[in-house]
PDB file of N, CA and C in Angstrom:
ATOM      1  N   MET A   1      14.481  13.887-102.142  1.00  0.00           N
ATOM      2  CA  MET A   1      15.429  14.944-102.377  1.00  0.00           C
ATOM      3  C   MET A   1      16.861  14.464-102.128  1.00  0.00           C
ATOM      4  N   PHE A   2      17.015  13.560-101.171  1.00  0.00           N
ATOM      5  CA  PHE A   2      18.351  13.048-100.881  1.00  0.00           C
ATOM      6  C   PHE A   2      18.963  12.408-102.119  1.00  0.00           C
ATOM      7  N   ALA A   3      18.165  11.595-102.818  1.00  0.00           N
ATOM      8  CA  ALA A   3      18.686  10.910-104.006  1.00  0.00           C
ATOM      9  C   ALA A   3      19.057  11.912-105.091  1.00  0.00           C
ATOM     10  N   LEU A   4      18.261  12.949-105.254  1.00  0.00           N
ATOM     11  CA  LEU A   4      18.556  13.963-106.264  1.00  0.00           C
ATOM     12  C   LEU A   4      19.839  14.704-105.935  1.00  0.00           C
ATOM     13  N   TYR A   5      19.962  15.175-104.710  1.00  0.00           N
ATOM     14  CA  TYR A   5      21.178  15.887-104.303  1.00  0.00           C
ATOM     15  C   TYR A   5      22.401  14.977-104.376  1.00  0.00           C
ATOM     16  N   ASN A   6      22.227  13.751-103.979  1.00  0.00           N
ATOM     17  CA  ASN A   6      23.325  12.789-104.025  1.00  0.00           C
ATOM     18  C   ASN A   6      23.796  12.583-105.465  1.00  0.00           C
ATOM     19  N   PHE A   7      22.850  12.442-106.384  1.00  0.00           N
ATOM     20  CA  PHE A   7      23.196  12.253-107.790  1.00  0.00           C
ATOM     21  C   PHE A   7      23.921  13.473-108.348  1.00  0.00           C
ATOM     22  N   ILE A   8      23.435  14.660-108.025  1.00  0.00           N
ATOM     23  CA  ILE A   8      24.061  15.885-108.527  1.00  0.00           C
ATOM     24  C   ILE A   8      25.484  16.019-108.007  1.00  0.00           C
ATOM     25  N   ILE A   9      25.689  15.782-106.726  1.00  0.00           N
ATOM     26  CA  ILE A   9      27.030  15.899-106.145  1.00  0.00           C
ATOM     27  C   ILE A   9      27.974  14.859-106.742  1.00  0.00           C
ATOM     28  N   LEU A  10      27.520  13.615-106.871  1.00  0.00           N
ATOM     29  CA  LEU A  10      28.359  12.579-107.479  1.00  0.00           C
ATOM     30  C   LEU A  10      28.697  12.909-108.929  1.00  0.00           C
ATOM     31  N   PHE A  11      27.740  13.463-109.654  1.00  0.00           N
ATOM     32  CA  PHE A  11      27.962  13.834-111.049  1.00  0.00           C
ATOM     33  C   PHE A  11      29.017  14.936-111.155  1.00  0.00           C
ATOM     34  N   ILE A  12      28.918  15.942-110.302  1.00  0.00           N
ATOM     35  CA  ILE A  12      29.888  17.047-110.317  1.00  0.00           C
ATOM     36  C   ILE A  12      31.281  16.542-109.953  1.00  0.00           C
ATOM     37  N   PHE A  13      31.376  15.739-108.894  1.00  0.00           N
ATOM     38  CA  PHE A  13      32.685  15.201-108.508  1.00  0.00           C
ATOM     39  C   PHE A  13      33.274  14.316-109.600  1.00  0.00           C
ATOM     40  N   ALA A  14      32.428  13.537-110.284  1.00  0.00           N
ATOM     41  CA  ALA A  14      32.928  12.669-111.354  1.00  0.00           C
ATOM     42  C   ALA A  14      33.484  13.502-112.503  1.00  0.00           C
ATOM     43  N   ILE A  15      32.805  14.580-112.858  1.00  0.00           N
ATOM     44  CA  ILE A  15      33.314  15.450-113.925  1.00  0.00           C
ATOM     45  C   ILE A  15      34.617  16.104-113.496  1.00  0.00           C
ATOM     46  N   LEU A  16      34.674  16.609-112.277  1.00  0.00           N
ATOM     47  CA  LEU A  16      35.904  17.244-111.787  1.00  0.00           C
ATOM     48  C   LEU A  16      37.055  16.252-111.715  1.00  0.00           C
ATOM     49  N   ALA A  17      36.769  15.035-111.296  1.00  0.00           N
ATOM     50  CA  ALA A  17      37.822  14.013-111.199  1.00  0.00           C
ATOM     51  C   ALA A  17      38.338  13.624-112.576  1.00  0.00           C
ATOM     52  N   ASN A  18      37.464  13.627-113.544  1.00  0.00           N
ATOM     53  CA  ASN A  18      37.852  13.213-114.889  1.00  0.00           C
ATOM     54  C   ASN A  18      38.653  14.294-115.621  1.00  0.00           C
ATOM     55  N   TYR A  19      38.302  15.556-115.415  1.00  0.00           N
ATOM     56  CA  TYR A  19      38.911  16.610-116.207  1.00  0.00           C
ATOM     57  C   TYR A  19      39.938  17.467-115.467  1.00  0.00           C
ATOM     58  N   ILE A  20      39.886  17.500-114.150  1.00  0.00           N
ATOM     59  CA  ILE A  20      40.766  18.429-113.439  1.00  0.00           C
ATOM     60  C   ILE A  20      41.898  17.717-112.712  1.00  0.00           C
ATOM     61  N   SER A  21      41.553  16.865-111.742  1.00  0.00           N
ATOM     62  CA  SER A  21      42.622  16.334-110.902  1.00  0.00           C
ATOM     63  C   SER A  21      42.199  15.027-110.251  1.00  0.00           C
ATOM     64  N   ASN A  22      43.193  14.253-109.848  1.00  0.00           N
ATOM     65  CA  ASN A  22      42.931  13.022-109.106  1.00  0.00           C
ATOM     66  C   ASN A  22      42.484  13.307-107.688  1.00  0.00           C
ATOM     67  N   PHE A  23      42.725  14.505-107.202  1.00  0.00           N
ATOM     68  CA  PHE A  23      42.260  14.891-105.869  1.00  0.00           C
ATOM     69  C   PHE A  23      40.749  14.732-105.780  1.00  0.00           C
ATOM     70  N   PHE A  24      40.040  15.126-106.848  1.00  0.00           N
ATOM     71  CA  PHE A  24      38.586  15.005-106.846  1.00  0.00           C
ATOM     72  C   PHE A  24      38.144  13.547-106.927  1.00  0.00           C
ATOM     73  N   ALA A  25      38.986  12.687-107.461  1.00  0.00           N
ATOM     74  CA  ALA A  25      38.679  11.254-107.467  1.00  0.00           C
ATOM     75  C   ALA A  25      38.702  10.712-106.039  1.00  0.00           C
ATOM     76  N   ILE A  26      39.638  11.192-105.250  1.00  0.00           N
ATOM     77  CA  ILE A  26      39.699  10.791-103.840  1.00  0.00           C
ATOM     78  C   ILE A  26      38.476  11.315-103.093  1.00  0.00           C
ATOM     79  N   ILE A  27      38.115  12.574-103.348  1.00  0.00           N
ATOM     80  CA  ILE A  27      36.922  13.161-102.721  1.00  0.00           C
ATOM     81  C   ILE A  27      35.669  12.393-103.146  1.00  0.00           C
ATOM     82  N   LEU A  28      35.600  12.028-104.419  1.00  0.00           N
ATOM     83  CA  LEU A  28      34.470  11.252-104.923  1.00  0.00           C
ATOM     84  C   LEU A  28      34.369   9.911-104.202  1.00  0.00           C
ATOM     85  N   GLY A  29      35.485   9.230-104.043  1.00  0.00           N
ATOM     86  CA  GLY A  29      35.493   7.954-103.337  1.00  0.00           C
ATOM     87  C   GLY A  29      35.067   8.086-101.886  1.00  0.00           C
ATOM     88  N   LEU A  30      35.573   9.111-101.210  1.00  0.00           N
ATOM     89  CA  LEU A  30      35.186   9.334 -99.813  1.00  0.00           C
ATOM     90  C   LEU A  30      33.705   9.673 -99.702  1.00  0.00           C
ATOM     91  N   TYR A  31      33.212  10.514-100.604  1.00  0.00           N
ATOM     92  CA  TYR A  31      31.791  10.869-100.579  1.00  0.00           C
ATOM     93  C   TYR A  31      30.933   9.629-100.789  1.00  0.00           C
ATOM     94  N   PHE A  32      31.342   8.768-101.722  1.00  0.00           N
ATOM     95  CA  PHE A  32      30.592   7.544-101.974  1.00  0.00           C
ATOM     96  C   PHE A  32      30.577   6.644-100.748  1.00  0.00           C
ATOM     97  N   ILE A  33      31.720   6.505-100.089  1.00  0.00           N
ATOM     98  CA  ILE A  33      31.805   5.661 -98.895  1.00  0.00           C
ATOM     99  C   ILE A  33      30.908   6.188 -97.782  1.00  0.00           C
ATOM    100  N   PHE A  34      30.920   7.505 -97.571  1.00  0.00           N
ATOM    101  CA  PHE A  34      30.149   8.082 -96.469  1.00  0.00           C
ATOM    102  C   PHE A  34      28.653   8.144 -96.754  1.00  0.00           C
ATOM    103  N   THR A  35      28.236   8.103 -98.013  1.00  0.00           N
ATOM    104  CA  THR A  35      26.808   8.169 -98.319  1.00  0.00           C
ATOM    105  C   THR A  35      26.219   6.822 -98.742  1.00  0.00           C
ATOM    106  N   PHE A  36      27.020   5.770 -98.717  1.00  0.00           N
ATOM    107  CA  PHE A  36      26.528   4.468 -99.168  1.00  0.00           C
ATOM    108  C   PHE A  36      25.405   3.942 -98.271  1.00  0.00           C
ATOM    109  N   LEU A  37      25.622   3.891 -96.975  1.00  0.00           N
ATOM    110  CA  LEU A  37      24.588   3.379 -96.062  1.00  0.00           C
ATOM    111  C   LEU A  37      23.353   4.269 -95.997  1.00  0.00           C
ATOM    112  N   PRO A  38      23.494   5.610 -95.908  1.00  0.00           N
ATOM    113  CA  PRO A  38      22.281   6.429 -95.959  1.00  0.00           C
ATOM    114  C   PRO A  38      21.500   6.255 -97.263  1.00  0.00           C
ATOM    115  N   ASN A  39      22.213   6.046 -98.358  1.00  0.00           N
ATOM    116  CA  ASN A  39      21.543   5.829 -99.640  1.00  0.00           C
ATOM    117  C   ASN A  39      20.754   4.517 -99.622  1.00  0.00           C
ATOM    118  N   LEU A  40      21.329   3.468 -99.052  1.00  0.00           N
ATOM    119  CA  LEU A  40      20.597   2.202 -98.918  1.00  0.00           C
ATOM    120  C   LEU A  40      19.346   2.380 -98.063  1.00  0.00           C
ATOM    121  N   ALA A  41      19.461   3.141 -96.990  1.00  0.00           N
ATOM    122  CA  ALA A  41      18.321   3.361 -96.096  1.00  0.00           C
ATOM    123  C   ALA A  41      17.210   4.140 -96.796  1.00  0.00           C
ATOM    124  N   VAL A  42      17.561   5.159 -97.535  1.00  0.00           N
ATOM    125  CA  VAL A  42      16.554   5.947 -98.255  1.00  0.00           C
ATOM    126  C   VAL A  42      15.881   5.100 -99.325  1.00  0.00           C
ATOM    127  N   ASN A  43      16.652   4.302-100.030  1.00  0.00           N
ATOM    128  CA  ASN A  43      16.067   3.435-101.052  1.00  0.00           C
ATOM    129  C   ASN A  43      15.143   2.388-100.438  1.00  0.00           C
ATOM    130  N   ALA A  44      15.536   1.805 -99.315  1.00  0.00           N
ATOM    131  CA  ALA A  44      14.683   0.822 -98.641  1.00  0.00           C
ATOM    132  C   ALA A  44      13.391   1.483 -98.160  1.00  0.00           C
ATOM    133  N   ARG A  45      13.493   2.697 -97.646  1.00  0.00           N
ATOM    134  CA  ARG A  45      12.296   3.412 -97.189  1.00  0.00           C
ATOM    135  C   ARG A  45      11.348   3.667 -98.355  1.00  0.00           C
ATOM    136  N   ARG A  46      11.902   4.028 -99.504  1.00  0.00           N
ATOM    137  CA  ARG A  46      11.067   4.266-100.685  1.00  0.00           C
ATOM    138  C   ARG A  46      10.397   2.981-101.155  1.00  0.00           C
ATOM    139  N   LEU A  47      11.123   1.880-101.126  1.00  0.00           N
ATOM    140  CA  LEU A  47      10.523   0.601-101.510  1.00  0.00           C
ATOM    141  C   LEU A  47       9.456   0.181-100.511  1.00  0.00           C
ATOM    142  N   HIS A  48       9.639   0.484 -99.236  1.00  0.00           N
ATOM    143  CA  HIS A  48       8.615   0.179 -98.239  1.00  0.00           C
ATOM    144  C   HIS A  48       7.359   0.993 -98.490  1.00  0.00           C
ATOM    145  N   ASP A  49       7.495   2.203 -99.021  1.00  0.00           N
ATOM    146  CA  ASP A  49       6.325   3.028 -99.325  1.00  0.00           C
ATOM    147  C   ASP A  49       5.435   2.389-100.382  1.00  0.00           C
ATOM    148  N   ILE A  50       6.032   1.586-101.274  1.00  0.00           N
ATOM    149  CA  ILE A  50       5.232   0.913-102.296  1.00  0.00           C
ATOM    150  C   ILE A  50       5.021  -0.565-101.959  1.00  0.00           C
ATOM    151  N   ASN A  51       5.212  -0.917-100.692  1.00  0.00           N
ATOM    152  CA  ASN A  51       4.935  -2.251-100.150  1.00  0.00           C
ATOM    153  C   ASN A  51       5.860  -3.333-100.723  1.00  0.00           C
ATOM    154  N   LEU A  52       7.118  -2.988-100.949  1.00  0.00           N
ATOM    155  CA  LEU A  52       8.124  -3.962-101.371  1.00  0.00           C
ATOM    156  C   LEU A  52       9.244  -3.991-100.345  1.00  0.00           C
ATOM    157  N   SER A  53       9.904  -5.106-100.270  1.00  0.00           N
ATOM    158  CA  SER A  53      11.019  -5.254 -99.344  1.00  0.00           C
ATOM    159  C   SER A  53      12.230  -4.469 -99.843  1.00  0.00           C
ATOM    160  N   GLY A  54      13.091  -4.085 -98.904  1.00  0.00           N
ATOM    161  CA  GLY A  54      14.317  -3.385 -99.248  1.00  0.00           C
ATOM    162  C   GLY A  54      15.288  -4.240-100.034  1.00  0.00           C
ATOM    163  N   TRP A  55      15.088  -5.549-100.008  1.00  0.00           N
ATOM    164  CA  TRP A  55      15.953  -6.458-100.753  1.00  0.00           C
ATOM    165  C   TRP A  55      15.803  -6.292-102.262  1.00  0.00           C
ATOM    166  N   TRP A  56      14.739  -5.617-102.702  1.00  0.00           N
ATOM    167  CA  TRP A  56      14.559  -5.355-104.127  1.00  0.00           C
ATOM    168  C   TRP A  56      15.674  -4.481-104.679  1.00  0.00           C
ATOM    169  N   GLN A  57      16.432  -3.838-103.816  1.00  0.00           N
ATOM    170  CA  GLN A  57      17.559  -3.023-104.275  1.00  0.00           C
ATOM    171  C   GLN A  57      18.607  -3.862-104.996  1.00  0.00           C
ATOM    172  N   LEU A  58      18.652  -5.143-104.692  1.00  0.00           N
ATOM    173  CA  LEU A  58      19.652  -6.015-105.298  1.00  0.00           C
ATOM    174  C   LEU A  58      19.465  -6.185-106.802  1.00  0.00           C
ATOM    175  N   ILE A  59      18.261  -5.927-107.321  1.00  0.00           N
ATOM    176  CA  ILE A  59      18.095  -6.042-108.770  1.00  0.00           C
ATOM    177  C   ILE A  59      18.854  -4.927-109.487  1.00  0.00           C
ATOM    178  N   GLY A  60      19.261  -3.906-108.756  1.00  0.00           N
ATOM    179  CA  GLY A  60      20.074  -2.857-109.341  1.00  0.00           C
ATOM    180  C   GLY A  60      21.468  -3.319-109.708  1.00  0.00           C
ATOM    181  N   LEU A  61      21.875  -4.477-109.227  1.00  0.00           N
ATOM    182  CA  LEU A  61      23.191  -5.024-109.542  1.00  0.00           C
ATOM    183  C   LEU A  61      23.224  -5.750-110.885  1.00  0.00           C
ATOM    184  N   ILE A  62      22.048  -6.061-111.427  1.00  0.00           N
ATOM    185  CA  ILE A  62      21.969  -6.763-112.703  1.00  0.00           C
ATOM    186  C   ILE A  62      21.973  -5.722-113.831  1.00  0.00           C
ATOM    187  N   PRO A  63      22.887  -5.868-114.784  1.00  0.00           N
ATOM    188  CA  PRO A  63      22.938  -4.882-115.876  1.00  0.00           C
ATOM    189  C   PRO A  63      21.601  -4.782-116.622  1.00  0.00           C
ATOM    190  N   TYR A  64      21.203  -3.571-116.916  1.00  0.00           N
ATOM    191  CA  TYR A  64      19.994  -3.221-117.653  1.00  0.00           C
ATOM    192  C   TYR A  64      18.701  -3.523-116.902  1.00  0.00           C
ATOM    193  N   VAL A  65      18.740  -4.270-115.842  1.00  0.00           N
ATOM    194  CA  VAL A  65      17.531  -4.560-115.066  1.00  0.00           C
ATOM    195  C   VAL A  65      17.322  -3.474-114.008  1.00  0.00           C
ATOM    196  N   TYR A  66      18.350  -2.687-113.736  1.00  0.00           N
ATOM    197  CA  TYR A  66      18.226  -1.604-112.766  1.00  0.00           C
ATOM    198  C   TYR A  66      17.184  -0.581-113.216  1.00  0.00           C
ATOM    199  N   ILE A  67      16.824  -0.594-114.504  1.00  0.00           N
ATOM    200  CA  ILE A  67      15.783   0.306-114.994  1.00  0.00           C
ATOM    201  C   ILE A  67      14.461   0.005-114.296  1.00  0.00           C
ATOM    202  N   VAL A  68      14.211  -1.266-113.988  1.00  0.00           N
ATOM    203  CA  VAL A  68      13.007  -1.645-113.232  1.00  0.00           C
ATOM    204  C   VAL A  68      13.029  -0.973-111.866  1.00  0.00           C
ATOM    205  N   LEU A  69      14.186  -0.920-111.246  1.00  0.00           N
ATOM    206  CA  LEU A  69      14.318  -0.276-109.940  1.00  0.00           C
ATOM    207  C   LEU A  69      14.013   1.217-110.040  1.00  0.00           C
ATOM    208  N   ILE A  70      14.479   1.855-111.080  1.00  0.00           N
ATOM    209  CA  ILE A  70      14.192   3.280-111.273  1.00  0.00           C
ATOM    210  C   ILE A  70      12.695   3.496-111.446  1.00  0.00           C
ATOM    211  N   ILE A  71      12.041   2.615-112.198  1.00  0.00           N
ATOM    212  CA  ILE A  71      10.592   2.723-112.381  1.00  0.00           C
ATOM    213  C   ILE A  71       9.876   2.517-111.052  1.00  0.00           C
ATOM    214  N   LEU A  72      10.337   1.563-110.243  1.00  0.00           N
ATOM    215  CA  LEU A  72       9.716   1.331-108.934  1.00  0.00           C
ATOM    216  C   LEU A  72       9.853   2.557-108.034  1.00  0.00           C
ATOM    217  N   PHE A  73      10.988   3.234-108.097  1.00  0.00           N
ATOM    218  CA  PHE A  73      11.173   4.430-107.280  1.00  0.00           C
ATOM    219  C   PHE A  73      10.243   5.563-107.708  1.00  0.00           C
ATOM    220  N   CYS A  74       9.805   5.550-108.951  1.00  0.00           N
ATOM    221  CA  CYS A  74       8.940   6.617-109.460  1.00  0.00           C
ATOM    222  C   CYS A  74       7.461   6.368-109.198  1.00  0.00           C
ATOM    223  N   LEU A  75       7.112   5.169-108.758  1.00  0.00           N
ATOM    224  CA  LEU A  75       5.711   4.855-108.495  1.00  0.00           C
ATOM    225  C   LEU A  75       5.204   5.605-107.262  1.00  0.00           C
ATOM    226  N   LYS A  76       3.902   5.876-107.284  1.00  0.00           N
ATOM    227  CA  LYS A  76       3.265   6.511-106.129  1.00  0.00           C
ATOM    228  C   LYS A  76       3.156   5.484-105.006  1.00  0.00           C
ATOM    229  N   GLY A  77       3.372   5.915-103.776  1.00  0.00           N
ATOM    230  CA  GLY A  77       3.266   5.031-102.620  1.00  0.00           C
ATOM    231  C   GLY A  77       1.831   4.639-102.329  1.00  0.00           C
ATOM    232  N   ASN A  78       1.668   3.678-101.437  1.00  0.00           N
ATOM    233  CA  ASN A  78       0.328   3.250-101.031  1.00  0.00           C
ATOM    234  C   ASN A  78      -0.386   4.366-100.287  1.00  0.00           C
ATOM    235  N   ASP A  79      -1.694   4.478-100.522  1.00  0.00           N
ATOM    236  CA  ASP A  79      -2.475   5.504 -99.838  1.00  0.00           C
ATOM    237  C   ASP A  79      -2.750   5.135 -98.389  1.00  0.00           C
ATOM    238  N   ASN A  80      -2.842   3.860 -98.122  1.00  0.00           N
ATOM    239  CA  ASN A  80      -3.159   3.386 -96.770  1.00  0.00           C
ATOM    240  C   ASN A  80      -1.937   2.709 -96.155  1.00  0.00           C
ATOM    241  N   ALA A  81      -2.130   2.192 -94.956  1.00  0.00           N
ATOM    242  CA  ALA A  81      -1.049   1.469 -94.286  1.00  0.00           C
ATOM    243  C   ALA A  81      -0.745   0.186 -95.044  1.00  0.00           C
ATOM    244  N   ASN A  82       0.500  -0.238 -94.973  1.00  0.00           N
ATOM    245  CA  ASN A  82       0.884  -1.509 -95.571  1.00  0.00           C
ATOM    246  C   ASN A  82       1.619  -2.331 -94.518  1.00  0.00           C
ATOM    247  N   ARG A  83       2.253  -3.409 -94.914  1.00  0.00           N
ATOM    248  CA  ARG A  83       2.890  -4.292 -93.934  1.00  0.00           C
ATOM    249  C   ARG A  83       4.097  -3.662 -93.262  1.00  0.00           C
ATOM    250  N   PHE A  84       4.563  -2.531 -93.761  1.00  0.00           N
ATOM    251  CA  PHE A  84       5.705  -1.846 -93.167  1.00  0.00           C
ATOM    252  C   PHE A  84       5.295  -0.672 -92.287  1.00  0.00           C
ATOM    253  N   GLY A  85       4.010  -0.426 -92.174  1.00  0.00           N
ATOM    254  CA  GLY A  85       3.540   0.643 -91.290  1.00  0.00           C
ATOM    255  C   GLY A  85       2.617   1.606 -92.001  1.00  0.00           C
ATOM    256  N   LEU A  86       2.362   2.722 -91.321  1.00  0.00           N
ATOM    257  CA  LEU A  86       1.456   3.733 -91.847  1.00  0.00           C
ATOM    258  C   LEU A  86       2.103   4.514 -92.982  1.00  0.00           C
ATOM    259  N   ASN A  87       1.246   5.100 -93.802  1.00  0.00           N
ATOM    260  CA  ASN A  87       1.707   5.989 -94.857  1.00  0.00           C
ATOM    261  C   ASN A  87       2.201   7.288 -94.200  1.00  0.00           C
ATOM    262  N   PRO A  88       3.456   7.681 -94.416  1.00  0.00           N
ATOM    263  CA  PRO A  88       3.962   8.897 -93.759  1.00  0.00           C
ATOM    264  C   PRO A  88       3.285  10.168 -94.241  1.00  0.00           C
ATOM    265  N   LEU A  89       2.639  10.138 -95.395  1.00  0.00           N
ATOM    266  CA  LEU A  89       1.952  11.321 -95.906  1.00  0.00           C
ATOM    267  C   LEU A  89       0.491  11.382 -95.479  1.00  0.00           C
ATOM    268  N   GLN A  90       0.013  10.311 -94.848  1.00  0.00           N
ATOM    269  CA  GLN A  90      -1.379  10.250 -94.436  1.00  0.00           C
ATOM    270  C   GLN A  90      -1.568  11.086 -93.170  1.00  0.00           C
ATOM    271  N   GLU A  91      -2.663  11.843 -93.132  1.00  0.00           N
ATOM    272  CA  GLU A  91      -2.948  12.653 -91.964  1.00  0.00           C
ATOM    273  C   GLU A  91      -3.391  11.763 -90.799  1.00  0.00           C
ATOM    274  N   ILE A  92      -2.897  12.078 -89.623  1.00  0.00           N
ATOM    275  CA  ILE A  92      -3.255  11.326 -88.428  1.00  0.00           C
ATOM    276  C   ILE A  92      -4.535  11.911 -87.859  1.00  0.00           C
ATOM    277  N   GLU A  93      -5.493  11.030 -87.578  1.00  0.00           N
ATOM    278  CA  GLU A  93      -6.788  11.502 -87.065  1.00  0.00           C
ATOM    279  C   GLU A  93      -6.743  11.730 -85.575  1.00  0.00           C
TER     280      GLU A  93
END
């Protein structure tokens, strides 16, 4: 949900900055700065759910290859524990 809300807010600020005022461009920049590290953490957590390292986020820097990253984020996580720990959705016995 964090990624969805983050995308919606960034999209709204980008439209406002483009059509209304430069003030919203400043707000957009500040919002991006303050959510950059939490966004990295959420993405790394999602990659850990599918048993990949957080370093896979770096493929998002390559043009057109970031689509692979989007596909990886859409995959279902592991049902059992992996090298990063237990499945957070798994019931504890």
